[in-house]
Amino acid sequence: MTPEKFAYIETFVCQMNERDSEIMGQLLREENYHPTRDISRADLVLINTCSIRDKAEQKVYSLLGRLKKYKQKKQAMIIAVAGCVAQQEGERLSSRMPLVDIVVGTQNIYRISQLVRDVELKRQRHIATGLSHSFVIPRHLPAPPDQAPSFSPKEEVFKKFVTIMQGCNNFCTYCVVPFTRGREVSKGVDDILSEITVLASQGIREITLLGQNVNSYGMDKGPEHVRFPELLALVAEIEAITRIRFTTSHPKDLSADLIDCFAQIDKLCPHFHLPVQSGSDRILNKMNRKYTVESYLDKVAALRRVRPDIALTTDIIVGFPGEGDDDFAKTMELLEAVRYHGAFSFKYSDRPLARSSSFADKVDDGVRGERLTMLQARQDQISLEVNCGYVGREMEVMIEGESKSAHGQWRGRTGTNQIVNFPATGTLTPGDMRTVRIEEGCLHSLRGTLLT
């Protein structure tokens, strides 16, 4: 009888990585690896990495440093690094961290089983970081849950991510994605629909479609290929799926047809994450974003015309090279104009390979910190004001589970992607739809009363 082996998977930052880790976990399960959250018990440790910001990359190296003691005690332990840091660093990562047995890039995650087998049998290191313009995202159908126990400590049983494309052609000057994920590659329509159909048969009720720029889905396949609005309509035809979400979008590729989907597709949640990055046209031009503040605001207005209740969130970078006080003031003005439900905001940091790392006019770190604090404080005020505006409304939520902070409390998520905490007796089923009345708006959530 083949002895059981255990694998520990740590995933950093992005939703695309979460999905990639699920795929690698399923492939490892087929090699008789079982999940563990105890690193000391692991025969294989896989770290799926992100390099979008310097802080995330440093966390990876910090974890690798801590793994040295485990490798010394258990020399047969296999350590693999996947994802964007692996793709970006390649041989340099292996040289810097000799304890790493496998470096597997973003297009090579489907080879993880073969790479692990080779290390087991031959004890040789592997670096698989090639990017190909002819890359095709392989067909991948989820295994039944009882045959593929989760490697993630937070995997949900009622909602899933589904990758529809990867890579990016935009080359924003601050971004490493085109270098770590390659050019845009759209997954086949039939493969996407087959994957979602299998998930629906397993009880999944909410799907989030993933890509670095889902708005451009199908454009790499030629003029006759299905585009993103058409794909949304096809997914909506899968009866058991209750809700559809997607991320991430580039404003320049937000078409009128996609905007209309929010009026035409009932299952499409009224939530749109639309990264703006800056409120200054001068800075947007330096970022190579290919839109203006005016055109961005026009699309915001169009979204709100077709779906007045839509919740908008965004990404903002402060302190981009050359950003002056006037540029930052325009970003603050944009917050007031749009009044986002929430914003992910960050200080600019140089990233390897990104063009802006060579820009000379860097903003002092102290100034960047002050601006970030000011922006986040104002956005927190706006988020709280927006949330308070929901008081008195009746809203449908998808049950997610018991509250993490209070006994007797449950939590559900609105179509606008807000968590609602509410008291309930008995047991509710994650994935079910219920109606709540909002009683209080908080900074990061709502509080309500269960009606049905």
Protein backbone atom coordinates (compact mmCIF):
# COMPACT_ATOMS: atom_id res chain seq x y z
CA MET A 1 0.00 0.00 0.00
CA THR A 2 1.37 3.40 -1.01
CA PRO A 3 2.04 5.53 2.06
CA GLU A 4 0.18 8.79 2.41
CA LYS A 5 2.06 11.99 1.68
CA PHE A 6 1.14 15.44 2.94
CA ALA A 7 1.32 18.80 1.23
CA TYR A 8 1.08 22.30 2.66
CA ILE A 9 0.06 25.07 0.24
CA GLU A 10 0.45 28.76 1.10
CA THR A 11 -1.14 31.25 -1.29
CA PHE A 12 -0.30 34.93 -1.44
CA VAL A 13 -2.57 37.86 -2.32
CA CYS A 14 -4.64 37.51 -5.49
CA GLN A 15 -7.77 35.60 -6.51
CA MET A 16 -6.03 34.23 -9.60
CA ASN A 17 -3.45 32.64 -7.31
CA GLU A 18 -6.21 31.16 -5.14
CA ARG A 19 -7.65 29.44 -8.20
CA ASP A 20 -4.21 28.30 -9.38
CA SER A 21 -3.55 26.81 -5.94
CA GLU A 22 -6.83 24.89 -6.11
CA ILE A 23 -5.77 23.45 -9.45
CA MET A 24 -2.32 22.48 -8.20
CA GLY A 25 -3.88 20.99 -5.07
CA GLN A 26 -6.16 18.79 -7.15
CA LEU A 27 -3.22 17.64 -9.30
CA LEU A 28 -1.18 16.85 -6.19
CA ARG A 29 -4.10 14.95 -4.68
CA GLU A 30 -3.99 12.71 -7.74
CA GLU A 31 -0.36 11.99 -6.74
CA ASN A 32 -1.55 10.80 -3.31
CA TYR A 33 -0.75 14.06 -1.49
CA HIS A 34 -3.18 14.97 1.28
CA PRO A 35 -3.66 18.46 2.68
CA THR A 36 -2.15 19.55 5.98
CA ARG A 37 -1.94 22.93 7.74
CA ASP A 38 1.01 21.73 9.81
CA ILE A 39 4.22 22.54 7.93
CA SER A 40 6.28 20.21 10.12
CA ARG A 41 4.15 17.30 8.89
CA ALA A 42 4.46 18.20 5.21
CA ASP A 43 6.37 16.16 2.66
CA LEU A 44 5.81 18.97 0.17
CA VAL A 45 5.49 22.71 0.78
CA LEU A 46 4.20 24.76 -2.14
CA ILE A 47 4.22 28.56 -1.99
CA ASN A 48 2.13 30.31 -4.63
CA THR A 49 3.47 33.83 -4.90
CA CYS A 50 2.56 37.35 -5.97
CA SER A 51 4.97 40.08 -7.09
CA ILE A 52 2.51 42.90 -7.77
CA ARG A 53 3.93 44.81 -4.78
CA ASP A 54 7.26 44.66 -3.00
CA LYS A 55 5.67 43.80 0.35
CA ALA A 56 4.07 40.63 -1.00
CA GLU A 57 7.36 39.51 -2.50
CA GLN A 58 9.25 40.08 0.75
CA LYS A 59 6.69 37.95 2.62
CA VAL A 60 7.56 35.07 0.29
CA TYR A 61 11.27 35.31 1.04
CA SER A 62 10.51 35.61 4.74
CA LEU A 63 8.50 32.38 4.66
CA LEU A 64 11.24 30.61 2.70
CA GLY A 65 13.72 31.69 5.35
CA ARG A 66 11.58 30.15 8.07
CA LEU A 67 11.35 26.89 6.12
CA LYS A 68 15.11 26.25 6.47
CA LYS A 69 14.69 24.68 9.90
CA TYR A 70 12.02 22.27 8.59
CA LYS A 71 14.16 21.29 5.62
CA GLN A 72 17.13 20.61 7.91
CA LYS A 73 15.05 18.25 10.04
CA LYS A 74 13.36 16.61 7.05
CA GLN A 75 15.76 16.66 4.14
CA ALA A 76 13.38 14.76 1.85
CA MET A 77 10.85 17.60 2.12
CA ILE A 78 10.17 19.11 -1.30
CA ILE A 79 9.85 22.90 -1.42
CA ALA A 80 8.23 24.41 -4.50
CA VAL A 81 7.68 28.07 -5.36
CA ALA A 82 5.02 28.90 -7.95
CA GLY A 83 3.38 32.04 -9.29
CA CYS A 84 4.62 35.48 -10.24
CA VAL A 85 7.73 35.68 -8.03
CA ALA A 86 8.78 32.29 -9.40
CA GLN A 87 8.21 33.52 -12.94
CA GLN A 88 9.99 36.81 -12.31
CA GLU A 89 13.02 35.46 -10.44
CA GLY A 90 13.54 32.01 -11.95
CA GLU A 91 17.16 30.93 -11.57
CA ARG A 92 17.89 33.87 -9.25
CA LEU A 93 15.36 32.53 -6.74
CA SER A 94 16.92 29.09 -6.85
CA SER A 95 20.40 30.55 -6.33
CA ARG A 96 19.26 32.81 -3.49
CA MET A 97 17.31 30.02 -1.77
CA PRO A 98 19.10 26.67 -2.37
CA LEU A 99 16.46 24.89 -0.26
CA VAL A 100 13.95 25.37 -3.13
CA ASP A 101 13.57 22.22 -5.26
CA ILE A 102 11.03 23.48 -7.81
CA VAL A 103 10.49 26.92 -9.34
CA VAL A 104 7.34 26.81 -11.45
CA GLY A 105 6.08 29.79 -13.41
CA THR A 106 2.55 30.89 -14.17
CA GLN A 107 2.09 28.97 -17.42
CA ASN A 108 3.57 25.78 -15.99
CA ILE A 109 1.38 25.11 -12.94
CA TYR A 110 -0.36 22.26 -14.77
CA ARG A 111 3.01 20.45 -14.83
CA ILE A 112 3.33 20.41 -11.04
CA SER A 113 2.68 16.65 -10.75
CA GLN A 114 5.41 15.78 -13.25
CA LEU A 115 7.88 18.16 -11.61
CA VAL A 116 7.21 16.72 -8.15
CA ARG A 117 7.57 13.14 -9.42
CA ASP A 118 10.94 13.98 -10.98
CA VAL A 119 12.21 15.45 -7.72
CA GLU A 120 10.94 12.44 -5.76
CA LEU A 121 12.61 9.95 -8.09
CA LYS A 122 15.78 11.77 -9.09
CA ARG A 123 16.18 14.42 -6.38
CA GLN A 124 16.97 16.98 -9.05
CA ARG A 125 15.90 20.59 -9.00
CA HIS A 126 13.58 22.01 -11.63
CA ILE A 127 13.07 25.52 -12.97
CA ALA A 128 10.02 25.71 -15.25
CA THR A 129 9.43 29.37 -16.07
CA GLY A 130 9.06 29.52 -19.83
CA LEU A 131 6.39 31.86 -21.27
CA SER A 132 5.02 30.94 -24.69
CA HIS A 133 3.01 33.09 -27.08
CA SER A 134 1.30 29.86 -28.18
CA PHE A 135 0.26 28.90 -24.63
CA VAL A 136 -3.23 27.42 -24.31
CA ILE A 137 -4.94 27.25 -20.91
CA PRO A 138 -5.58 23.51 -20.40
CA ARG A 139 -9.04 22.11 -19.84
CA HIS A 140 -9.47 21.41 -16.14
CA LEU A 141 -12.56 19.90 -14.57
CA PRO A 142 -12.98 20.00 -10.78
CA ALA A 143 -12.92 16.69 -8.94
CA PRO A 144 -15.80 15.81 -6.60
CA PRO A 145 -15.19 17.41 -3.19
CA ASP A 146 -14.96 14.03 -1.44
CA GLN A 147 -12.17 13.04 -3.84
CA ALA A 148 -10.27 16.30 -3.61
CA PRO A 149 -10.14 17.61 -0.03
CA SER A 150 -9.19 21.24 0.18
CA PHE A 151 -5.62 22.47 0.62
CA SER A 152 -6.98 25.91 1.55
CA PRO A 153 -8.02 26.78 5.12
CA LYS A 154 -10.79 29.07 3.87
CA GLU A 155 -12.25 27.34 0.82
CA GLU A 156 -15.99 27.93 0.45
CA VAL A 157 -18.44 25.16 -0.42
CA PHE A 158 -20.93 27.35 -2.27
CA LYS A 159 -18.84 29.74 -4.40
CA LYS A 160 -15.80 29.34 -6.64
CA PHE A 161 -13.39 31.23 -8.84
CA VAL A 162 -13.14 30.21 -12.49
CA THR A 163 -10.25 31.44 -14.61
CA ILE A 164 -11.40 32.56 -18.06
CA MET A 165 -8.14 34.14 -19.24
CA GLN A 166 -4.70 35.09 -18.04
CA GLY A 167 -1.99 37.52 -19.00
CA CYS A 168 -2.17 41.16 -20.04
CA ASN A 169 -1.31 43.19 -23.14
CA ASN A 170 -1.58 46.66 -21.60
CA PHE A 171 1.94 47.21 -20.19
CA CYS A 172 1.02 49.79 -17.58
CA THR A 173 4.38 51.28 -16.65
CA TYR A 174 4.15 50.26 -12.97
CA CYS A 175 3.03 46.67 -13.54
CA VAL A 176 4.90 43.36 -13.86
CA VAL A 177 1.92 41.25 -14.98
CA PRO A 178 2.76 41.16 -18.72
CA PHE A 179 6.20 39.85 -17.76
CA THR A 180 5.04 37.33 -15.15
CA ARG A 181 1.75 36.15 -16.70
CA GLY A 182 2.56 36.70 -20.37
CA ARG A 183 0.28 38.03 -23.08
CA GLU A 184 -3.49 37.68 -22.91
CA VAL A 185 -4.75 34.14 -23.44
CA SER A 186 -8.47 33.39 -23.36
CA LYS A 187 -9.69 30.00 -22.22
CA GLY A 188 -12.03 28.14 -24.56
CA VAL A 189 -15.73 28.86 -24.09
CA ASP A 190 -16.69 25.18 -23.93
CA ASP A 191 -14.01 24.51 -21.31
CA ILE A 192 -15.27 27.40 -19.16
CA LEU A 193 -18.89 26.30 -19.39
CA SER A 194 -18.00 22.66 -18.70
CA GLU A 195 -16.06 23.66 -15.58
CA ILE A 196 -18.92 25.79 -14.27
CA THR A 197 -21.48 23.08 -15.06
CA VAL A 198 -19.49 20.57 -13.00
CA LEU A 199 -19.20 23.07 -10.14
CA ALA A 200 -22.95 23.74 -10.27
CA SER A 201 -23.62 19.99 -10.04
CA GLN A 202 -21.48 19.94 -6.87
CA GLY A 203 -23.57 22.62 -5.15
CA ILE A 204 -21.70 25.77 -6.16
CA ARG A 205 -24.13 28.69 -6.44
CA GLU A 206 -21.88 31.69 -7.07
CA ILE A 207 -19.15 31.98 -9.72
CA THR A 208 -16.51 34.69 -10.03
CA LEU A 209 -14.91 34.83 -13.47
CA LEU A 210 -11.21 35.68 -13.25
CA GLY A 211 -8.65 37.31 -15.49
CA GLN A 212 -6.12 40.12 -15.41
CA ASN A 213 -8.47 41.98 -17.77
CA VAL A 214 -11.74 40.10 -18.26
CA ASN A 215 -13.13 42.96 -20.36
CA SER A 216 -10.86 41.90 -23.22
CA TYR A 217 -11.87 38.23 -23.09
CA GLY A 218 -11.83 36.67 -26.58
CA MET A 219 -10.00 39.51 -28.30
CA ASP A 220 -6.89 37.34 -28.70
CA LYS A 221 -8.94 34.73 -30.58
CA GLY A 222 -10.06 36.89 -33.47
CA PRO A 223 -13.23 38.80 -34.44
CA GLU A 224 -15.50 35.73 -34.55
CA HIS A 225 -14.77 34.55 -31.02
CA VAL A 226 -17.23 34.99 -28.17
CA ARG A 227 -16.63 38.24 -26.28
CA PHE A 228 -17.07 38.83 -22.56
CA PRO A 229 -20.69 40.07 -22.62
CA GLU A 230 -21.69 36.98 -24.61
CA LEU A 231 -19.81 34.73 -22.18
CA LEU A 232 -21.68 36.26 -19.23
CA ALA A 233 -24.99 35.49 -20.95
CA LEU A 234 -23.92 31.86 -21.55
CA VAL A 235 -22.88 31.39 -17.92
CA ALA A 236 -26.22 32.83 -16.79
CA GLU A 237 -27.99 30.02 -18.68
CA ILE A 238 -26.55 27.43 -16.25
CA GLU A 239 -29.64 27.07 -14.10
CA ALA A 240 -28.11 26.15 -10.75
CA ILE A 241 -25.83 29.20 -10.71
CA THR A 242 -27.51 31.95 -8.70
CA ARG A 243 -24.92 34.71 -8.85
CA ILE A 244 -22.18 35.78 -11.27
CA ARG A 245 -19.30 38.11 -10.46
CA PHE A 246 -16.10 38.97 -12.29
CA THR A 247 -12.74 40.64 -11.75
CA THR A 248 -10.58 42.47 -12.81
CA SER A 249 -11.47 45.04 -15.46
CA HIS A 250 -9.54 47.67 -17.37
CA PRO A 251 -11.55 50.87 -17.94
CA LYS A 252 -10.38 51.29 -21.53
CA ASP A 253 -12.03 47.98 -22.48
CA LEU A 254 -15.34 48.58 -20.71
CA SER A 255 -17.78 48.44 -23.62
CA ALA A 256 -21.38 49.61 -23.88
CA ASP A 257 -22.39 45.95 -24.35
CA LEU A 258 -20.77 44.98 -21.06
CA ILE A 259 -22.41 47.91 -19.27
CA ASP A 260 -25.78 46.78 -20.65
CA CYS A 261 -25.23 43.33 -19.12
CA PHE A 262 -25.96 44.83 -15.70
CA ALA A 263 -29.46 45.68 -16.89
CA GLN A 264 -30.05 42.51 -18.92
CA ILE A 265 -28.58 39.65 -16.82
CA ASP A 266 -30.41 39.21 -13.53
CA LYS A 267 -27.75 36.87 -12.11
CA LEU A 268 -24.96 39.41 -12.64
CA CYS A 269 -24.26 41.01 -9.26
CA PRO A 270 -24.46 44.82 -9.13
CA HIS A 271 -20.83 45.23 -8.14
CA PHE A 272 -18.02 46.44 -10.38
CA HIS A 273 -14.35 46.70 -9.44
CA LEU A 274 -12.99 49.31 -11.86
CA PRO A 275 -9.38 50.29 -11.08
CA VAL A 276 -8.68 53.97 -11.74
CA GLN A 277 -5.16 54.22 -10.19
CA SER A 278 -5.05 58.04 -10.29
CA GLY A 279 -7.31 61.07 -10.69
CA SER A 280 -4.73 63.00 -12.71
CA ASP A 281 -4.67 62.73 -16.50
CA ARG A 282 -0.95 63.56 -16.47
CA ILE A 283 -0.19 60.66 -14.16
CA LEU A 284 -2.56 58.32 -16.01
CA ASN A 285 -0.60 59.10 -19.18
CA LYS A 286 2.69 58.32 -17.42
CA MET A 287 1.13 55.07 -16.21
CA ASN A 288 0.15 54.22 -19.83
CA ARG A 289 -3.45 53.64 -18.76
CA LYS A 290 -4.94 54.77 -22.11
CA TYR A 291 -7.96 56.62 -20.69
CA THR A 292 -8.67 60.01 -19.15
CA VAL A 293 -10.49 60.92 -15.97
CA GLU A 294 -13.33 62.30 -18.09
CA SER A 295 -13.75 59.07 -20.06
CA TYR A 296 -13.57 57.06 -16.82
CA LEU A 297 -16.30 59.20 -15.22
CA ASP A 298 -18.43 58.81 -18.36
CA LYS A 299 -18.33 55.04 -17.89
CA VAL A 300 -19.15 55.36 -14.20
CA ALA A 301 -22.18 57.47 -15.16
CA ALA A 302 -23.25 54.90 -17.78
CA LEU A 303 -23.01 52.05 -15.24
CA ARG A 304 -25.16 53.98 -12.80
CA ARG A 305 -27.73 54.80 -15.47
CA VAL A 306 -28.35 51.14 -16.30
CA ARG A 307 -27.98 49.91 -12.71
CA PRO A 308 -28.56 52.72 -10.16
CA ASP A 309 -27.80 50.41 -7.21
CA ILE A 310 -24.41 49.28 -8.53
CA ALA A 311 -21.54 49.29 -6.01
CA LEU A 312 -18.24 50.54 -7.37
CA THR A 313 -14.81 49.76 -5.94
CA THR A 314 -11.39 50.65 -7.25
CA ASP A 315 -7.59 50.50 -6.96
CA ILE A 316 -5.49 53.63 -6.41
CA ILE A 317 -1.72 54.11 -6.37
CA VAL A 318 -0.39 57.15 -4.52
CA GLY A 319 3.07 58.62 -4.99
CA PHE A 320 3.65 57.44 -8.55
CA PRO A 321 6.88 58.96 -9.92
CA GLY A 322 6.29 62.62 -10.74
CA GLU A 323 3.02 62.87 -8.77
CA GLY A 324 2.80 66.42 -7.42
CA ASP A 325 0.45 67.99 -4.92
CA ASP A 326 -1.92 69.02 -7.72
CA ASP A 327 -2.02 65.48 -9.11
CA PHE A 328 -2.81 64.04 -5.69
CA ALA A 329 -5.48 66.69 -5.13
CA LYS A 330 -7.17 65.53 -8.34
CA THR A 331 -7.21 61.96 -7.02
CA MET A 332 -8.91 63.21 -3.86
CA GLU A 333 -11.43 65.08 -6.05
CA LEU A 334 -12.13 61.83 -7.88
CA LEU A 335 -13.02 60.13 -4.58
CA GLU A 336 -15.61 62.82 -3.97
CA ALA A 337 -16.96 62.59 -7.52
CA VAL A 338 -17.41 58.80 -7.60
CA ARG A 339 -17.93 58.01 -3.91
CA TYR A 340 -16.68 54.45 -4.12
CA HIS A 341 -18.02 51.77 -1.79
CA GLY A 342 -14.39 50.90 -1.13
CA ALA A 343 -10.88 51.31 -2.50
CA PHE A 344 -7.69 49.26 -2.38
CA SER A 345 -4.98 51.91 -2.12
CA PHE A 346 -1.21 51.53 -1.99
CA LYS A 347 2.00 53.48 -1.99
CA TYR A 348 3.87 53.19 -5.27
CA SER A 349 6.85 50.82 -5.21
CA ASP A 350 9.33 49.98 -7.95
CA ARG A 351 8.84 46.52 -9.43
CA PRO A 352 11.46 44.62 -11.42
CA LEU A 353 10.94 44.85 -15.20
CA ALA A 354 8.26 47.56 -14.88
CA ARG A 355 9.19 50.66 -16.90
CA SER A 356 8.43 53.10 -14.09
CA SER A 357 11.25 51.64 -11.99
CA SER A 358 13.62 53.62 -14.25
CA PHE A 359 11.70 56.90 -13.89
CA ALA A 360 13.86 59.51 -12.20
CA ASP A 361 11.28 61.70 -10.46
CA LYS A 362 10.48 59.44 -7.48
CA VAL A 363 8.27 60.77 -4.69
CA ASP A 364 9.75 60.81 -1.17
CA ASP A 365 8.54 57.88 0.92
CA GLY A 366 7.38 60.17 3.71
CA VAL A 367 5.24 62.13 1.26
CA ARG A 368 3.82 58.90 -0.18
CA GLY A 369 2.92 57.76 3.33
CA GLU A 370 1.19 61.03 4.19
CA ARG A 371 -0.83 60.96 0.99
CA LEU A 372 -1.87 57.34 1.51
CA THR A 373 -3.01 58.09 5.06
CA MET A 374 -5.03 61.09 3.87
CA LEU A 375 -6.66 59.17 1.02
CA GLN A 376 -7.51 56.14 3.14
CA ALA A 377 -8.99 58.29 5.89
CA ARG A 378 -11.30 60.08 3.46
CA GLN A 379 -12.26 56.84 1.70
CA ASP A 380 -13.12 55.30 5.08
CA GLN A 381 -15.46 58.23 5.75
CA ILE A 382 -17.09 57.81 2.35
CA SER A 383 -17.45 54.03 2.81
CA LEU A 384 -19.15 54.55 6.17
CA GLU A 385 -21.48 57.19 4.72
CA VAL A 386 -22.37 54.89 1.82
CA ASN A 387 -23.04 51.98 4.18
CA CYS A 388 -25.22 54.12 6.43
CA GLY A 389 -27.28 54.93 3.35
CA TYR A 390 -28.49 51.32 3.28
CA VAL A 391 -30.27 51.57 6.64
CA GLY A 392 -33.94 50.67 6.27
CA ARG A 393 -33.52 48.78 3.01
CA GLU A 394 -34.47 45.16 2.52
CA MET A 395 -31.69 43.29 0.73
CA GLU A 396 -31.16 39.74 -0.48
CA VAL A 397 -28.04 38.05 0.87
CA MET A 398 -26.31 34.77 0.16
CA ILE A 399 -25.60 33.01 3.44
CA GLU A 400 -21.85 32.56 4.02
CA GLY A 401 -21.79 31.09 7.52
CA GLU A 402 -21.74 31.92 11.17
CA SER A 403 -20.19 35.22 12.20
CA LYS A 404 -16.49 35.02 12.95
CA SER A 405 -16.77 37.43 15.87
CA ALA A 406 -20.08 36.93 17.70
CA HIS A 407 -21.96 33.85 18.91
CA GLY A 408 -25.50 33.55 17.55
CA GLN A 409 -24.69 35.84 14.65
CA TRP A 410 -24.64 34.83 11.00
CA ARG A 411 -23.26 36.59 7.96
CA GLY A 412 -24.46 36.91 4.39
CA ARG A 413 -23.22 38.85 1.37
CA THR A 414 -25.31 41.21 -0.71
CA GLY A 415 -25.16 41.40 -4.47
CA THR A 416 -23.25 44.64 -3.95
CA ASN A 417 -20.56 42.56 -2.18
CA GLN A 418 -21.21 43.83 1.33
CA ILE A 419 -21.18 41.58 4.37
CA VAL A 420 -24.33 41.75 6.53
CA ASN A 421 -24.18 40.37 10.08
CA PHE A 422 -27.49 39.40 11.69
CA PRO A 423 -28.78 37.30 14.60
CA ALA A 424 -30.44 34.00 13.81
CA THR A 425 -31.52 30.94 15.73
CA GLY A 426 -30.93 27.46 14.41
CA THR A 427 -28.71 26.62 11.48
CA LEU A 428 -28.65 28.30 8.09
CA THR A 429 -27.16 26.75 4.97
CA PRO A 430 -24.26 28.50 3.20
CA GLY A 431 -25.29 29.34 -0.36
CA ASP A 432 -28.96 29.86 0.47
CA MET A 433 -30.59 33.19 -0.38
CA ARG A 434 -32.33 35.11 2.42
CA THR A 435 -33.75 38.60 2.89
CA VAL A 436 -32.53 40.96 5.60
CA ARG A 437 -33.50 44.46 6.65
CA ILE A 438 -30.48 46.72 7.22
CA GLU A 439 -30.45 48.28 10.67
CA GLU A 440 -26.97 49.79 10.85
CA GLY A 441 -24.11 50.74 8.54
CA CYS A 442 -20.56 50.09 9.75
CA LEU A 443 -17.21 50.84 8.14
CA HIS A 444 -16.61 47.40 6.64
CA SER A 445 -20.02 45.74 6.94
CA LEU A 446 -23.73 46.14 7.58
CA ARG A 447 -25.92 44.88 10.42
CA GLY A 448 -29.44 43.67 9.88
CA THR A 449 -32.44 41.60 10.85
CA LEU A 450 -33.34 38.36 9.11
CA LEU A 451 -36.78 38.60 7.46
CA THR A 452 -37.06 35.35 5.48
